[in-house]
Amino acid sequence: MAKERQIFHDSVADCAFRAKWYLGRTAIYAVLILWAFICLFPIFWTLTTSFKMAPDVMQGNLTPWVDYTPQWLGWRSIGLSPDTWGEYSTVREQFMLRFWNSTIISVSASLLALVLGSLAAYGLSRFEYRFGPMKNDDISFFFLSQLILPPVVLALPFLVLYREVELLDTRLGLILLYTLTVMPIVIWIMRDQFSSIPTELEEAALVDGLSIWGAFLTIILPIALPGMVAAFILCLVLTWNEYFFAALLTSTEAVTLPVMVASQTGSQGINWWSMAALSTAAILPLIVIGIVLERYIIKGMAAGAVK
């Protein structure tokens, strides 16, 4: 009798444990689903708005094929609808010019900041520097503190400087400026990445006959690759979405997508459908790059672990 009672209590305890476990898992997934919905809803709203007519936007219709019938009004306004592909479109040419400006400027600035910032971070993680009373930690914090300055403080100096050196409304001007603005982030991320790599690996490589540059390129970089890809993605997102300096320092030739998106206003108000179509076309490359480089991050981590 006592044995049967013990078995009964054990089964009850096991059922209670399982119920508690399933309840906890359900609560976790419910929170994650809710958070995913909150994060993805702006993208859903932007995408669906690009297929709405003006009355649908004003009435707040949300669900396609339920509240409204999707149309190509927003995409037609920028020359990217199926029925306008075979026709000449001035708006499409303007969009492609802005798209290539954003692509060239953001990718070039991100790569340049990644190279220069990684070299600076490697030096700060491996050698001791002193600049007056400042040591390595102070120098690193000085770089990061440059992000505290609001962009409007730098507006007039850069405007005057770029006018004197003839860099106004040029891709090169924005590339140099964006490189300067995102490099502190690269230095801060990559310094921690390099500091986590044991110096014994470089010492062993030097003993085997490699030079300092050879050890850095063949040993350190493969291990630090995940951090470099993460820093590159962050720089790419920041430079791609930058609006203030792009609007201030460009006018016709080097205008980027954020400036074009913000210009979708008229005398009768904001063209929400056009702005939504432009925004969707602008964020799509970032989504694709994020998916591709996510796999590359995993591959880089595996390669670094093996090496």
Protein backbone atom coordinates (compact mmCIF):
# COMPACT_ATOMS: atom_id res chain seq x y z
CA MET A 1 0.00 0.00 0.00
CA ALA A 2 2.81 2.37 0.88
CA LYS A 3 4.58 1.51 -2.36
CA GLU A 4 1.46 2.25 -4.42
CA ARG A 5 1.03 5.55 -2.56
CA GLN A 6 4.65 6.45 -3.33
CA ILE A 7 4.15 5.63 -7.00
CA PHE A 8 1.01 7.78 -7.03
CA HIS A 9 2.86 10.74 -5.47
CA ASP A 10 5.75 10.34 -7.93
CA SER A 11 3.36 10.34 -10.90
CA VAL A 12 1.57 13.43 -9.57
CA ALA A 13 4.89 15.21 -9.05
CA ASP A 14 6.02 14.21 -12.54
CA CYS A 15 2.78 15.52 -14.07
CA ALA A 16 3.12 18.77 -12.12
CA PHE A 17 6.71 19.15 -13.30
CA ARG A 18 5.73 18.51 -16.93
CA ALA A 19 2.81 20.94 -16.69
CA LYS A 20 5.09 23.59 -15.20
CA TRP A 21 7.69 22.99 -17.92
CA TYR A 22 5.14 23.22 -20.74
CA LEU A 23 3.57 26.31 -19.15
CA GLY A 24 6.98 27.99 -18.95
CA ARG A 25 7.81 27.13 -22.55
CA THR A 26 4.41 28.37 -23.70
CA ALA A 27 4.89 31.67 -21.86
CA ILE A 28 8.36 32.13 -23.38
CA TYR A 29 7.13 31.46 -26.92
CA ALA A 30 4.13 33.73 -26.38
CA VAL A 31 6.43 36.59 -25.36
CA LEU A 32 8.75 35.93 -28.31
CA ILE A 33 5.85 35.85 -30.77
CA LEU A 34 4.47 39.08 -29.32
CA TRP A 35 7.87 40.76 -29.58
CA ALA A 36 8.33 39.50 -33.15
CA PHE A 37 4.92 40.91 -34.04
CA ILE A 38 5.82 44.29 -32.52
CA CYS A 39 9.14 44.39 -34.41
CA LEU A 40 7.75 43.22 -37.76
CA PHE A 41 4.51 45.21 -37.76
CA PRO A 42 6.11 48.48 -39.03
CA ILE A 43 7.60 46.55 -41.97
CA PHE A 44 4.21 44.91 -42.63
CA TRP A 45 2.46 48.29 -42.45
CA THR A 46 4.97 49.88 -44.83
CA LEU A 47 4.75 47.02 -47.32
CA THR A 48 0.95 46.95 -47.35
CA THR A 49 0.70 50.74 -47.57
CA SER A 50 2.68 50.65 -50.81
CA PHE A 51 -0.21 48.70 -52.37
CA LYS A 52 -3.00 50.95 -51.08
CA MET A 53 -5.02 53.61 -52.84
CA ALA A 54 -5.40 57.05 -51.26
CA PRO A 55 -8.83 56.30 -49.66
CA ASP A 56 -7.47 53.07 -48.14
CA VAL A 57 -4.60 54.98 -46.53
CA MET A 58 -6.88 57.66 -45.13
CA GLN A 59 -9.42 55.15 -43.80
CA GLY A 60 -6.71 53.08 -42.10
CA ASN A 61 -7.48 49.84 -43.94
CA LEU A 62 -4.92 47.31 -42.82
CA THR A 63 -5.48 43.76 -44.10
CA PRO A 64 -5.04 43.21 -47.86
CA TRP A 65 -7.81 41.33 -49.70
CA VAL A 66 -9.99 41.82 -46.62
CA ASP A 67 -10.13 45.57 -45.97
CA TYR A 68 -8.96 46.59 -49.45
CA THR A 69 -7.81 45.25 -52.82
CA PRO A 70 -4.03 45.74 -53.37
CA GLN A 71 -3.13 48.09 -56.21
CA TRP A 72 0.18 49.24 -57.72
CA LEU A 73 -0.34 52.96 -57.06
CA GLY A 74 2.71 53.42 -54.83
CA TRP A 75 5.03 51.40 -57.06
CA ARG A 76 3.65 53.05 -60.21
CA SER A 77 4.51 56.47 -58.78
CA ILE A 78 8.22 55.54 -58.71
CA GLY A 79 8.16 53.60 -61.99
CA LEU A 80 8.58 50.14 -60.47
CA SER A 81 5.17 48.61 -61.15
CA PRO A 82 4.88 45.73 -63.69
CA ASP A 83 2.94 47.88 -66.16
CA THR A 84 5.65 50.60 -66.24
CA TRP A 85 8.74 48.44 -66.65
CA GLY A 86 8.64 48.63 -70.44
CA GLU A 87 8.17 52.40 -70.47
CA TYR A 88 10.64 55.21 -69.95
CA SER A 89 10.27 56.68 -66.47
CA THR A 90 12.10 59.73 -65.16
CA VAL A 91 11.13 58.83 -61.60
CA ARG A 92 12.61 55.33 -61.98
CA GLU A 93 15.87 56.81 -63.25
CA GLN A 94 15.98 59.13 -60.26
CA PHE A 95 15.28 56.21 -57.94
CA MET A 96 18.05 54.08 -59.48
CA LEU A 97 20.49 57.00 -59.22
CA ARG A 98 19.67 57.44 -55.52
CA PHE A 99 19.82 53.68 -54.97
CA TRP A 100 23.30 53.38 -56.48
CA ASN A 101 24.43 56.45 -54.56
CA SER A 102 23.32 54.85 -51.29
CA THR A 103 24.89 51.52 -52.24
CA ILE A 104 28.27 52.91 -53.28
CA ILE A 105 28.49 55.38 -50.40
CA SER A 106 27.38 53.04 -47.61
CA VAL A 107 29.38 49.99 -48.74
CA SER A 108 32.55 52.01 -49.41
CA ALA A 109 32.33 53.90 -46.12
CA SER A 110 31.61 50.70 -44.15
CA LEU A 111 34.53 48.82 -45.72
CA LEU A 112 36.92 51.73 -45.25
CA ALA A 113 35.84 52.17 -41.63
CA LEU A 114 36.16 48.41 -41.06
CA VAL A 115 39.74 48.31 -42.39
CA LEU A 116 40.99 51.42 -40.60
CA GLY A 117 39.03 50.72 -37.41
CA SER A 118 40.21 47.11 -37.22
CA LEU A 119 43.85 48.14 -37.56
CA ALA A 120 43.41 50.78 -34.86
CA ALA A 121 41.60 48.32 -32.61
CA TYR A 122 44.32 45.70 -33.09
CA GLY A 123 46.98 48.21 -32.07
CA LEU A 124 45.00 49.25 -28.98
CA SER A 125 44.50 45.61 -27.95
CA ARG A 126 48.11 44.49 -28.41
CA PHE A 127 50.30 47.49 -27.59
CA GLU A 128 50.46 50.11 -24.86
CA TYR A 129 50.04 53.72 -25.91
CA ARG A 130 50.20 56.99 -24.03
CA PHE A 131 48.98 60.33 -25.34
CA GLY A 132 49.62 62.81 -22.55
CA PRO A 133 47.66 61.50 -19.55
CA MET A 134 45.58 59.21 -21.79
CA LYS A 135 46.26 55.47 -21.99
CA ASN A 136 44.67 52.77 -24.13
CA ASP A 137 41.32 52.72 -22.32
CA ASP A 138 41.14 56.50 -22.39
CA ILE A 139 41.97 56.60 -26.10
CA SER A 140 39.29 54.01 -26.84
CA PHE A 141 36.74 55.97 -24.84
CA PHE A 142 37.79 59.16 -26.64
CA PHE A 143 36.95 57.54 -29.98
CA LEU A 144 33.58 56.35 -28.68
CA SER A 145 32.80 59.74 -27.13
CA GLN A 146 32.76 61.29 -30.60
CA LEU A 147 29.36 59.66 -31.07
CA ILE A 148 27.96 61.84 -28.28
CA LEU A 149 28.23 64.98 -30.41
CA PRO A 150 24.91 65.74 -32.15
CA PRO A 151 25.27 65.99 -35.94
CA VAL A 152 23.96 69.57 -35.98
CA VAL A 153 27.12 70.69 -34.11
CA LEU A 154 29.25 69.51 -37.04
CA ALA A 155 26.94 70.84 -39.74
CA LEU A 156 28.47 74.31 -40.24
CA PRO A 157 32.16 73.20 -40.04
CA PHE A 158 31.67 70.42 -42.58
CA LEU A 159 29.58 72.66 -44.84
CA VAL A 160 32.31 75.31 -44.92
CA LEU A 161 35.11 72.74 -45.24
CA TYR A 162 33.44 70.83 -48.07
CA ARG A 163 32.73 74.05 -49.94
CA GLU A 164 36.42 75.00 -49.77
CA VAL A 165 37.71 71.59 -50.91
CA GLU A 166 34.90 71.17 -53.49
CA LEU A 167 33.38 68.05 -51.97
CA LEU A 168 29.80 69.30 -51.79
CA ASP A 169 27.31 67.04 -53.60
CA THR A 170 29.91 64.31 -54.20
CA ARG A 171 29.96 60.64 -53.26
CA LEU A 172 33.54 60.95 -52.03
CA GLY A 173 32.54 63.64 -49.55
CA LEU A 174 29.85 61.47 -47.98
CA ILE A 175 32.12 58.39 -47.99
CA LEU A 176 34.83 60.23 -46.03
CA LEU A 177 32.31 61.74 -43.61
CA TYR A 178 30.47 58.45 -43.00
CA THR A 179 33.78 56.65 -42.49
CA LEU A 180 34.66 59.16 -39.80
CA THR A 181 31.29 58.83 -38.06
CA VAL A 182 31.13 55.00 -37.88
CA MET A 183 34.81 54.25 -37.28
CA PRO A 184 34.50 54.66 -33.46
CA ILE A 185 31.92 51.86 -33.42
CA VAL A 186 34.29 49.56 -35.33
CA ILE A 187 37.17 50.39 -32.99
CA TRP A 188 35.08 49.68 -29.90
CA ILE A 189 33.71 46.36 -31.22
CA MET A 190 36.95 45.06 -32.70
CA ARG A 191 39.10 46.00 -29.73
CA ASP A 192 37.05 43.68 -27.52
CA GLN A 193 37.16 41.04 -30.27
CA PHE A 194 40.97 41.18 -30.56
CA SER A 195 41.45 41.33 -26.79
CA SER A 196 39.60 38.02 -26.42
CA ILE A 197 42.12 36.27 -28.74
CA PRO A 198 45.13 34.85 -26.82
CA THR A 199 48.46 36.41 -27.74
CA GLU A 200 50.01 32.93 -27.58
CA LEU A 201 48.57 32.23 -31.03
CA GLU A 202 50.55 35.09 -32.56
CA GLU A 203 53.67 34.13 -30.64
CA ALA A 204 53.42 30.57 -31.94
CA ALA A 205 52.96 31.88 -35.48
CA LEU A 206 56.03 34.11 -35.13
CA VAL A 207 58.05 31.15 -33.89
CA ASP A 208 56.92 29.18 -36.97
CA GLY A 209 58.37 31.89 -39.20
CA LEU A 210 55.41 34.13 -39.97
CA SER A 211 55.76 37.89 -39.88
CA ILE A 212 53.54 40.10 -37.75
CA TRP A 213 51.37 40.88 -40.77
CA GLY A 214 51.31 37.20 -41.74
CA ALA A 215 50.15 36.20 -38.24
CA PHE A 216 47.55 38.94 -38.28
CA LEU A 217 46.15 37.95 -41.68
CA THR A 218 46.24 34.16 -41.33
CA ILE A 219 45.61 33.63 -37.61
CA ILE A 220 43.88 36.64 -36.07
CA LEU A 221 41.52 37.72 -38.85
CA PRO A 222 39.79 34.33 -39.31
CA ILE A 223 39.08 34.19 -35.58
CA ALA A 224 37.91 37.81 -35.46
CA LEU A 225 35.80 37.43 -38.61
CA PRO A 226 32.41 37.21 -36.80
CA GLY A 227 33.07 40.49 -35.02
CA MET A 228 34.18 42.13 -38.25
CA VAL A 229 31.03 41.03 -40.06
CA ALA A 230 28.87 42.27 -37.18
CA ALA A 231 30.69 45.62 -37.22
CA PHE A 232 30.28 45.85 -40.99
CA ILE A 233 26.54 45.18 -40.79
CA LEU A 234 26.12 47.82 -38.11
CA CYS A 235 28.10 50.38 -40.11
CA LEU A 236 26.16 49.53 -43.25
CA VAL A 237 22.81 50.04 -41.55
CA LEU A 238 23.88 53.35 -40.00
CA THR A 239 25.33 54.78 -43.21
CA TRP A 240 22.47 53.51 -45.38
CA ASN A 241 19.86 55.19 -43.16
CA GLU A 242 21.76 58.44 -42.51
CA TYR A 243 19.70 61.47 -43.51
CA PHE A 244 21.01 64.66 -41.91
CA PHE A 245 24.39 65.00 -43.63
CA ALA A 246 23.05 63.55 -46.89
CA ALA A 247 20.39 66.27 -46.99
CA LEU A 248 22.84 68.98 -45.93
CA LEU A 249 25.81 68.21 -48.18
CA THR A 250 24.09 66.99 -51.36
CA SER A 251 21.66 68.54 -53.83
CA THR A 252 21.45 66.61 -57.12
CA GLU A 253 24.28 64.22 -57.98
CA ALA A 254 24.98 62.45 -54.67
CA VAL A 255 21.49 62.43 -53.11
CA THR A 256 20.75 59.16 -51.28
CA LEU A 257 17.57 57.16 -50.72
CA PRO A 258 16.66 58.60 -47.27
CA VAL A 259 16.60 62.09 -48.79
CA MET A 260 14.40 60.86 -51.63
CA VAL A 261 12.02 59.15 -49.19
CA ALA A 262 11.70 62.33 -47.13
CA SER A 263 10.93 64.34 -50.25
CA GLN A 264 7.62 62.57 -50.90
CA THR A 265 5.56 65.54 -49.78
CA GLY A 266 3.47 67.90 -51.82
CA SER A 267 1.13 70.84 -51.50
CA GLN A 268 -1.70 68.46 -50.56
CA GLY A 269 0.23 66.53 -47.95
CA ILE A 270 2.36 63.39 -47.80
CA ASN A 271 2.14 60.78 -50.55
CA TRP A 272 2.07 57.84 -48.13
CA TRP A 273 1.83 55.21 -50.87
CA SER A 274 4.90 56.56 -52.68
CA MET A 275 6.84 56.92 -49.45
CA ALA A 276 5.90 53.37 -48.44
CA ALA A 277 7.01 51.97 -51.81
CA LEU A 278 10.32 53.84 -51.60
CA SER A 279 10.85 52.72 -48.00
CA THR A 280 10.16 49.09 -48.93
CA ALA A 281 12.61 49.27 -51.84
CA ALA A 282 15.17 50.90 -49.52
CA ILE A 283 15.04 48.34 -46.72
CA LEU A 284 14.91 45.27 -48.98
CA PRO A 285 18.70 45.26 -49.68
CA LEU A 286 19.44 45.46 -45.96
CA ILE A 287 17.19 42.46 -45.31
CA VAL A 288 18.92 40.44 -48.04
CA ILE A 289 22.40 41.42 -46.82
CA GLY A 290 21.45 40.53 -43.24
CA ILE A 291 20.27 37.06 -44.28
CA VAL A 292 23.36 36.39 -46.41
CA LEU A 293 25.86 37.65 -43.83
CA GLU A 294 24.12 35.78 -41.01
CA ARG A 295 25.20 32.55 -42.65
CA TYR A 296 28.65 34.01 -43.19
CA ILE A 297 28.91 34.84 -39.49
CA ILE A 298 28.23 31.20 -38.59
CA LYS A 299 30.76 30.04 -41.17
CA GLY A 300 33.34 32.49 -39.83
CA MET A 301 32.77 31.34 -36.26
CA ALA A 302 33.22 27.70 -37.27
CA ALA A 303 36.37 28.50 -39.27
CA GLY A 304 37.83 30.53 -36.41
CA ALA A 305 37.10 27.75 -33.92
CA VAL A 306 38.77 25.14 -36.13
CA LYS A 307 41.84 27.26 -36.78
